[in-house]
Amino acid sequence: MEENINYVKRTQRDYSMSLKLQIVREVEHGSLSITQVRKQYGIQSRSTIVQWLRKFGNFDWENQTPFNMTKSPEQKIMELEIQVKLLEKQKALLERQAYVADKKAILFDMMIDLAEKEYQIDIRKNSPPEQSTILEKKNKKQ
C-alpha cells in the first residue's frame, strides 16, 4: 500500500501568511508534529516548517528556550498528576521488591538453621575474618 505522491515544486511565496501562522500555531501547541503537518498540507521539506517556526514562532532559537510559552495551570496540574502516578507505581514496585527480599532473607535464614542442625556444623561463624588476624600478626612483628 505505497502511495505515490507527486509533489509540485513550490516556493515560500506559494504559501499564504495565514497558512504559515496556522501551521506554526499547530506545531507549537503540539496538536500536530512537523511530519504530520508536512503530510497534511503537502509541504515537501521539513526545513520549510522549521524556518517558519523560527520566523513566526514563540521559541527563542538562539538561547534554545521557550519564549512566551508559559504553561497553563491545568497543564501543570496534569503533568504533576502524571508524575504522581508514576511515582506511586515506582513506590509499589519497590515495596514489592523489598517484601520479596525480606521473605528471601527469612527463607535463607531458616535454611541455614536447618543445615546447621542437620549437619551439626556452624555455618554462621562469629570469628573475625582471616585477613584481620594476618594483619595483626604482621603488626606485632614490627
N, C-alpha and C. Protein backbone atom coordinates (compact mmCIF):
# COMPACT_ATOMS: atom_id res chain seq x y z
N MET A 1 0.83 -1.18 0.00
CA MET A 1 0.00 0.00 0.00
C MET A 1 0.88 1.25 0.00
N GLU A 2 1.73 1.37 -0.96
CA GLU A 2 2.61 2.51 -1.06
C GLU A 2 1.94 3.59 -1.88
N GLU A 3 1.93 4.79 -1.35
CA GLU A 3 1.32 5.89 -2.07
C GLU A 3 2.37 6.60 -2.90
N ASN A 4 2.03 6.89 -4.12
CA ASN A 4 2.92 7.65 -4.98
C ASN A 4 2.45 9.10 -4.94
N ILE A 5 3.20 9.92 -4.25
CA ILE A 5 2.81 11.32 -4.12
C ILE A 5 3.70 12.14 -5.04
N ASN A 6 3.08 12.81 -5.98
CA ASN A 6 3.82 13.69 -6.89
C ASN A 6 3.76 15.10 -6.34
N TYR A 7 4.91 15.61 -5.94
CA TYR A 7 4.97 16.95 -5.40
C TYR A 7 5.22 17.96 -6.52
N VAL A 8 4.60 19.08 -6.38
CA VAL A 8 4.83 20.19 -7.30
C VAL A 8 5.82 21.09 -6.59
N LYS A 9 6.88 21.44 -7.28
CA LYS A 9 7.89 22.29 -6.67
C LYS A 9 7.26 23.63 -6.31
N ARG A 10 7.42 24.02 -5.04
CA ARG A 10 6.82 25.25 -4.54
C ARG A 10 7.88 26.14 -3.94
N THR A 11 7.54 27.37 -3.78
CA THR A 11 8.43 28.32 -3.12
C THR A 11 7.72 28.87 -1.90
N GLN A 12 8.44 29.65 -1.11
CA GLN A 12 7.85 30.24 0.10
C GLN A 12 6.66 31.12 -0.24
N ARG A 13 6.68 31.71 -1.41
CA ARG A 13 5.60 32.63 -1.79
C ARG A 13 4.30 31.91 -2.10
N ASP A 14 4.37 30.61 -2.33
CA ASP A 14 3.17 29.86 -2.66
C ASP A 14 2.27 29.63 -1.44
N TYR A 15 2.80 29.83 -0.25
CA TYR A 15 2.02 29.61 0.98
C TYR A 15 1.60 30.97 1.52
N SER A 16 0.33 31.08 1.89
CA SER A 16 -0.16 32.34 2.43
C SER A 16 0.35 32.52 3.86
N MET A 17 0.38 33.76 4.29
CA MET A 17 0.84 34.07 5.64
C MET A 17 -0.07 33.42 6.67
N SER A 18 -1.37 33.41 6.43
CA SER A 18 -2.29 32.81 7.39
C SER A 18 -2.04 31.30 7.51
N LEU A 19 -1.71 30.64 6.39
CA LEU A 19 -1.41 29.20 6.45
C LEU A 19 -0.14 28.97 7.26
N LYS A 20 0.88 29.79 7.02
CA LYS A 20 2.14 29.65 7.75
C LYS A 20 1.90 29.81 9.25
N LEU A 21 1.15 30.84 9.62
CA LEU A 21 0.89 31.09 11.04
C LEU A 21 0.05 29.97 11.66
N GLN A 22 -0.89 29.45 10.89
CA GLN A 22 -1.73 28.35 11.38
C GLN A 22 -0.86 27.11 11.63
N ILE A 23 0.04 26.82 10.71
CA ILE A 23 0.92 25.67 10.86
C ILE A 23 1.84 25.84 12.06
N VAL A 24 2.40 27.03 12.22
CA VAL A 24 3.27 27.31 13.37
C VAL A 24 2.49 27.11 14.66
N ARG A 25 1.27 27.62 14.71
CA ARG A 25 0.43 27.50 15.90
C ARG A 25 0.16 26.03 16.22
N GLU A 26 -0.16 25.24 15.21
CA GLU A 26 -0.47 23.82 15.42
C GLU A 26 0.75 23.05 15.93
N VAL A 27 1.91 23.35 15.38
CA VAL A 27 3.12 22.65 15.82
C VAL A 27 3.49 23.07 17.24
N GLU A 28 3.40 24.36 17.54
CA GLU A 28 3.76 24.84 18.87
C GLU A 28 2.81 24.35 19.95
N HIS A 29 1.54 24.23 19.62
CA HIS A 29 0.58 23.74 20.62
C HIS A 29 0.64 22.23 20.76
N GLY A 30 1.37 21.57 19.87
CA GLY A 30 1.54 20.13 19.98
C GLY A 30 0.40 19.32 19.39
N SER A 31 -0.52 19.99 18.68
CA SER A 31 -1.62 19.23 18.09
C SER A 31 -1.16 18.41 16.90
N LEU A 32 -0.10 18.86 16.21
CA LEU A 32 0.48 18.11 15.10
C LEU A 32 2.00 18.20 15.17
N SER A 33 2.65 17.13 14.73
CA SER A 33 4.11 17.17 14.64
C SER A 33 4.50 17.75 13.28
N ILE A 34 5.77 18.03 13.11
CA ILE A 34 6.23 18.59 11.84
C ILE A 34 5.96 17.61 10.71
N THR A 35 6.18 16.33 10.95
CA THR A 35 5.93 15.31 9.93
C THR A 35 4.45 15.25 9.57
N GLN A 36 3.59 15.32 10.56
CA GLN A 36 2.14 15.29 10.29
C GLN A 36 1.71 16.51 9.50
N VAL A 37 2.28 17.67 9.83
CA VAL A 37 1.94 18.90 9.10
C VAL A 37 2.38 18.78 7.65
N ARG A 38 3.58 18.25 7.44
CA ARG A 38 4.08 18.08 6.07
C ARG A 38 3.12 17.22 5.25
N LYS A 39 2.67 16.11 5.82
CA LYS A 39 1.77 15.22 5.09
C LYS A 39 0.40 15.86 4.86
N GLN A 40 -0.11 16.52 5.90
CA GLN A 40 -1.45 17.09 5.81
C GLN A 40 -1.53 18.23 4.80
N TYR A 41 -0.51 19.09 4.79
CA TYR A 41 -0.56 20.26 3.93
C TYR A 41 0.26 20.11 2.64
N GLY A 42 0.90 18.95 2.46
CA GLY A 42 1.65 18.70 1.24
C GLY A 42 2.90 19.55 1.12
N ILE A 43 3.56 19.81 2.24
CA ILE A 43 4.78 20.59 2.22
C ILE A 43 5.94 19.63 2.03
N GLN A 44 6.81 19.94 1.07
CA GLN A 44 7.85 18.99 0.70
C GLN A 44 8.94 18.86 1.75
N SER A 45 9.38 19.95 2.30
CA SER A 45 10.57 19.92 3.14
C SER A 45 10.27 20.23 4.59
N ARG A 46 10.94 19.51 5.47
CA ARG A 46 10.83 19.75 6.90
C ARG A 46 11.44 21.11 7.23
N SER A 47 12.50 21.45 6.51
CA SER A 47 13.19 22.70 6.81
C SER A 47 12.31 23.92 6.55
N THR A 48 11.36 23.79 5.65
CA THR A 48 10.43 24.90 5.38
C THR A 48 9.63 25.21 6.65
N ILE A 49 9.14 24.17 7.29
CA ILE A 49 8.35 24.35 8.51
C ILE A 49 9.23 24.86 9.64
N VAL A 50 10.44 24.32 9.74
CA VAL A 50 11.36 24.79 10.78
C VAL A 50 11.68 26.26 10.58
N GLN A 51 11.83 26.66 9.33
CA GLN A 51 12.10 28.07 9.02
C GLN A 51 10.93 28.94 9.46
N TRP A 52 9.70 28.50 9.23
CA TRP A 52 8.53 29.25 9.67
C TRP A 52 8.49 29.32 11.19
N LEU A 53 8.84 28.21 11.85
CA LEU A 53 8.85 28.21 13.31
C LEU A 53 9.85 29.23 13.84
N ARG A 54 10.99 29.33 13.20
CA ARG A 54 12.00 30.30 13.62
C ARG A 54 11.55 31.73 13.36
N LYS A 55 10.87 31.93 12.24
CA LYS A 55 10.43 33.28 11.89
C LYS A 55 9.24 33.75 12.70
N PHE A 56 8.24 32.88 12.81
CA PHE A 56 6.95 33.31 13.36
C PHE A 56 6.61 32.67 14.71
N GLY A 57 7.43 31.76 15.18
CA GLY A 57 7.10 31.02 16.41
C GLY A 57 7.48 31.75 17.67
N ASN A 58 7.10 31.17 18.78
CA ASN A 58 7.37 31.73 20.11
C ASN A 58 8.54 31.04 20.79
N PHE A 59 9.47 30.51 20.02
CA PHE A 59 10.62 29.81 20.59
C PHE A 59 11.87 30.64 20.32
N ASP A 60 12.68 30.85 21.35
CA ASP A 60 13.91 31.62 21.21
C ASP A 60 15.01 30.68 20.73
N TRP A 61 15.26 30.66 19.43
CA TRP A 61 16.18 29.70 18.84
C TRP A 61 17.63 29.97 19.21
N GLU A 62 17.96 31.18 19.55
CA GLU A 62 19.34 31.48 19.93
C GLU A 62 19.68 30.90 21.29
N ASN A 63 18.76 31.01 22.23
CA ASN A 63 19.00 30.51 23.58
C ASN A 63 18.39 29.13 23.80
N GLN A 64 17.66 28.64 22.81
CA GLN A 64 17.02 27.33 22.88
C GLN A 64 16.10 27.20 24.10
N THR A 65 15.35 28.25 24.36
CA THR A 65 14.41 28.21 25.47
C THR A 65 13.06 28.70 24.99
N PRO A 66 11.99 28.18 25.57
CA PRO A 66 10.67 28.68 25.20
C PRO A 66 10.54 30.15 25.57
N PHE A 67 9.82 30.87 24.76
CA PHE A 67 9.69 32.31 24.92
C PHE A 67 8.20 32.62 24.86
N ASN A 68 7.65 33.18 25.91
CA ASN A 68 6.22 33.47 25.99
C ASN A 68 5.36 32.22 25.86
N MET A 69 5.88 31.09 26.27
CA MET A 69 5.10 29.85 26.18
C MET A 69 4.93 29.27 27.58
N THR A 70 4.35 30.03 28.47
CA THR A 70 4.15 29.53 29.82
C THR A 70 3.02 28.51 29.81
N LYS A 71 3.15 27.56 30.69
CA LYS A 71 2.14 26.50 30.78
C LYS A 71 0.97 27.00 31.61
N SER A 72 -0.19 26.58 31.19
CA SER A 72 -1.38 26.95 31.95
C SER A 72 -1.42 26.15 33.24
N PRO A 73 -2.16 26.62 34.23
CA PRO A 73 -2.27 25.87 35.48
C PRO A 73 -2.81 24.45 35.26
N GLU A 74 -3.72 24.30 34.30
CA GLU A 74 -4.27 22.98 34.01
C GLU A 74 -3.19 22.05 33.49
N GLN A 75 -2.32 22.57 32.61
CA GLN A 75 -1.23 21.75 32.07
C GLN A 75 -0.27 21.34 33.19
N LYS A 76 0.04 22.30 34.07
CA LYS A 76 0.94 22.00 35.18
C LYS A 76 0.34 20.93 36.08
N ILE A 77 -0.95 21.05 36.37
CA ILE A 77 -1.63 20.07 37.22
C ILE A 77 -1.62 18.70 36.57
N MET A 78 -1.90 18.65 35.26
CA MET A 78 -1.90 17.37 34.56
C MET A 78 -0.51 16.73 34.60
N GLU A 79 0.54 17.52 34.37
CA GLU A 79 1.89 16.99 34.41
C GLU A 79 2.23 16.47 35.80
N LEU A 80 1.82 17.20 36.84
CA LEU A 80 2.09 16.76 38.20
C LEU A 80 1.31 15.50 38.55
N GLU A 81 0.07 15.39 38.06
CA GLU A 81 -0.72 14.19 38.31
C GLU A 81 -0.06 12.98 37.65
N ILE A 82 0.45 13.17 36.44
CA ILE A 82 1.13 12.08 35.75
C ILE A 82 2.38 11.67 36.52
N GLN A 83 3.11 12.68 37.02
CA GLN A 83 4.32 12.40 37.78
C GLN A 83 3.98 11.65 39.08
N VAL A 84 2.89 12.04 39.73
CA VAL A 84 2.47 11.38 40.97
C VAL A 84 2.12 9.92 40.69
N LYS A 85 1.39 9.67 39.59
CA LYS A 85 1.04 8.28 39.24
C LYS A 85 2.28 7.45 38.98
N LEU A 86 3.25 8.03 38.29
CA LEU A 86 4.49 7.32 38.01
C LEU A 86 5.23 7.00 39.29
N LEU A 87 5.31 7.97 40.19
CA LEU A 87 5.99 7.76 41.46
C LEU A 87 5.27 6.72 42.33
N GLU A 88 3.94 6.71 42.28
CA GLU A 88 3.18 5.70 43.03
C GLU A 88 3.47 4.30 42.49
N LYS A 89 3.56 4.18 41.17
CA LYS A 89 3.89 2.88 40.57
C LYS A 89 5.28 2.44 40.98
N GLN A 90 6.23 3.38 40.95
CA GLN A 90 7.60 3.05 41.34
C GLN A 90 7.65 2.64 42.81
N LYS A 91 6.90 3.35 43.66
CA LYS A 91 6.87 3.03 45.08
C LYS A 91 6.31 1.63 45.29
N ALA A 92 5.23 1.31 44.60
CA ALA A 92 4.61 -0.01 44.74
C ALA A 92 5.59 -1.11 44.29
N LEU A 93 6.28 -0.86 43.19
CA LEU A 93 7.26 -1.84 42.71
C LEU A 93 8.37 -2.04 43.73
N LEU A 94 8.89 -0.95 44.28
CA LEU A 94 9.96 -1.05 45.27
C LEU A 94 9.49 -1.73 46.55
N GLU A 95 8.24 -1.47 46.94
CA GLU A 95 7.70 -2.14 48.13
C GLU A 95 7.58 -3.64 47.90
N ARG A 96 7.13 -4.03 46.67
CA ARG A 96 7.05 -5.46 46.34
C ARG A 96 8.44 -6.10 46.37
N GLN A 97 9.42 -5.40 45.81
CA GLN A 97 10.78 -5.93 45.80
C GLN A 97 11.33 -6.07 47.22
N ALA A 98 11.06 -5.10 48.08
CA ALA A 98 11.50 -5.16 49.47
C ALA A 98 10.82 -6.32 50.20
N TYR A 99 9.54 -6.53 49.94
CA TYR A 99 8.79 -7.63 50.56
C TYR A 99 9.39 -8.97 50.14
N VAL A 100 9.66 -9.12 48.85
CA VAL A 100 10.25 -10.37 48.35
C VAL A 100 11.63 -10.58 48.94
N ALA A 101 12.43 -9.51 49.03
CA ALA A 101 13.78 -9.61 49.59
C ALA A 101 13.72 -10.02 51.07
N ASP A 102 12.77 -9.46 51.82
CA ASP A 102 12.61 -9.85 53.22
C ASP A 102 12.23 -11.32 53.35
N LYS A 103 11.32 -11.76 52.52
CA LYS A 103 10.89 -13.17 52.55
C LYS A 103 12.06 -14.10 52.20
N LYS A 104 12.87 -13.68 51.21
CA LYS A 104 14.03 -14.49 50.83
C LYS A 104 15.02 -14.56 51.99
N ALA A 105 15.25 -13.44 52.66
CA ALA A 105 16.18 -13.42 53.78
C ALA A 105 15.70 -14.35 54.89
N ILE A 106 14.41 -14.34 55.18
CA ILE A 106 13.85 -15.23 56.20
C ILE A 106 14.01 -16.68 55.78
N LEU A 107 13.71 -16.95 54.51
CA LEU A 107 13.82 -18.31 53.99
C LEU A 107 15.27 -18.81 54.04
N PHE A 108 16.22 -17.98 53.62
CA PHE A 108 17.62 -18.38 53.66
C PHE A 108 18.09 -18.59 55.09
N ASP A 109 17.62 -17.75 56.00
CA ASP A 109 17.96 -17.90 57.41
C ASP A 109 17.46 -19.24 57.94
N MET A 110 16.24 -19.58 57.58
CA MET A 110 15.68 -20.87 58.00
C MET A 110 16.46 -22.03 57.41
N MET A 111 16.89 -21.89 56.16
CA MET A 111 17.66 -22.95 55.51
C MET A 111 19.01 -23.14 56.20
N ILE A 112 19.64 -22.03 56.59
CA ILE A 112 20.92 -22.12 57.30
C ILE A 112 20.73 -22.77 58.65
N ASP A 113 19.65 -22.40 59.38
CA ASP A 113 19.36 -23.03 60.68
C ASP A 113 19.16 -24.53 60.51
N LEU A 114 18.42 -24.92 59.49
CA LEU A 114 18.15 -26.33 59.23
C LEU A 114 19.43 -27.08 58.89
N ALA A 115 20.26 -26.47 58.06
CA ALA A 115 21.53 -27.11 57.68
C ALA A 115 22.45 -27.24 58.89
N GLU A 116 22.49 -26.22 59.75
CA GLU A 116 23.32 -26.29 60.95
C GLU A 116 22.86 -27.41 61.87
N LYS A 117 21.56 -27.59 62.03
CA LYS A 117 21.01 -28.66 62.87
C LYS A 117 21.29 -30.03 62.24
N GLU A 118 21.00 -30.13 60.94
CA GLU A 118 21.08 -31.41 60.24
C GLU A 118 22.52 -31.92 60.18
N TYR A 119 23.45 -31.03 59.84
CA TYR A 119 24.84 -31.45 59.65
C TYR A 119 25.75 -31.10 60.84
N GLN A 120 25.17 -30.49 61.83
CA GLN A 120 25.87 -30.12 63.07
C GLN A 120 27.19 -29.39 62.80
N ILE A 121 27.10 -28.38 61.97
CA ILE A 121 28.25 -27.52 61.69
C ILE A 121 27.81 -26.07 61.84
N ASP A 122 28.80 -25.21 62.16
CA ASP A 122 28.50 -23.79 62.26
C ASP A 122 28.70 -23.14 60.90
N ILE A 123 27.61 -22.77 60.29
CA ILE A 123 27.70 -22.07 59.01
C ILE A 123 27.93 -20.59 59.26
N ARG A 124 27.23 -20.07 60.23
CA ARG A 124 27.43 -18.67 60.61
C ARG A 124 28.59 -18.62 61.59
N LYS A 125 29.69 -18.08 61.15
CA LYS A 125 30.86 -18.00 62.02
C LYS A 125 30.91 -16.63 62.66
N ASN A 126 31.21 -16.61 63.94
CA ASN A 126 31.31 -15.35 64.65
C ASN A 126 32.75 -14.88 64.78
N SER A 127 33.70 -15.67 64.27
CA SER A 127 35.10 -15.27 64.38
C SER A 127 35.42 -14.22 63.32
N PRO A 128 36.42 -13.37 63.60
CA PRO A 128 36.79 -12.35 62.62
C PRO A 128 37.39 -12.99 61.37
N PRO A 129 37.36 -12.32 60.26
CA PRO A 129 37.92 -12.89 59.04
C PRO A 129 39.43 -13.09 59.16
N GLU A 130 39.99 -13.97 58.33
CA GLU A 130 41.41 -14.31 58.40
C GLU A 130 42.30 -13.11 58.10
N GLN A 131 41.88 -12.25 57.25
CA GLN A 131 42.69 -11.09 56.89
C GLN A 131 43.08 -10.29 58.12
N SER A 132 42.11 -10.07 58.98
CA SER A 132 42.39 -9.24 60.15
C SER A 132 43.41 -9.91 61.06
N THR A 133 43.37 -11.25 61.21
CA THR A 133 44.35 -11.93 62.06
C THR A 133 45.73 -11.88 61.43
N ILE A 134 45.82 -11.99 60.11
CA ILE A 134 47.11 -11.91 59.43
C ILE A 134 47.69 -10.51 59.61
N LEU A 135 46.88 -9.48 59.46
CA LEU A 135 47.34 -8.11 59.64
C LEU A 135 47.82 -7.88 61.07
N GLU A 136 47.11 -8.47 62.05
CA GLU A 136 47.50 -8.30 63.45
C GLU A 136 48.87 -8.94 63.69
N LYS A 137 49.12 -10.11 63.10
CA LYS A 137 50.41 -10.79 63.26
C LYS A 137 51.53 -9.96 62.66
N LYS A 138 51.28 -9.37 61.49
CA LYS A 138 52.30 -8.54 60.85
C LYS A 138 52.60 -7.30 61.69
N ASN A 139 51.57 -6.72 62.27
CA ASN A 139 51.76 -5.52 63.09
C ASN A 139 52.54 -5.83 64.36
N LYS A 140 52.35 -7.04 64.93
CA LYS A 140 53.06 -7.42 66.14
C LYS A 140 54.54 -7.64 65.86
N LYS A 141 54.88 -8.16 64.67
CA LYS A 141 56.27 -8.39 64.30
C LYS A 141 57.05 -7.10 64.18
N GLN A 142 56.42 -6.05 63.75
CA GLN A 142 57.10 -4.77 63.52
C GLN A 142 57.29 -4.08 64.79
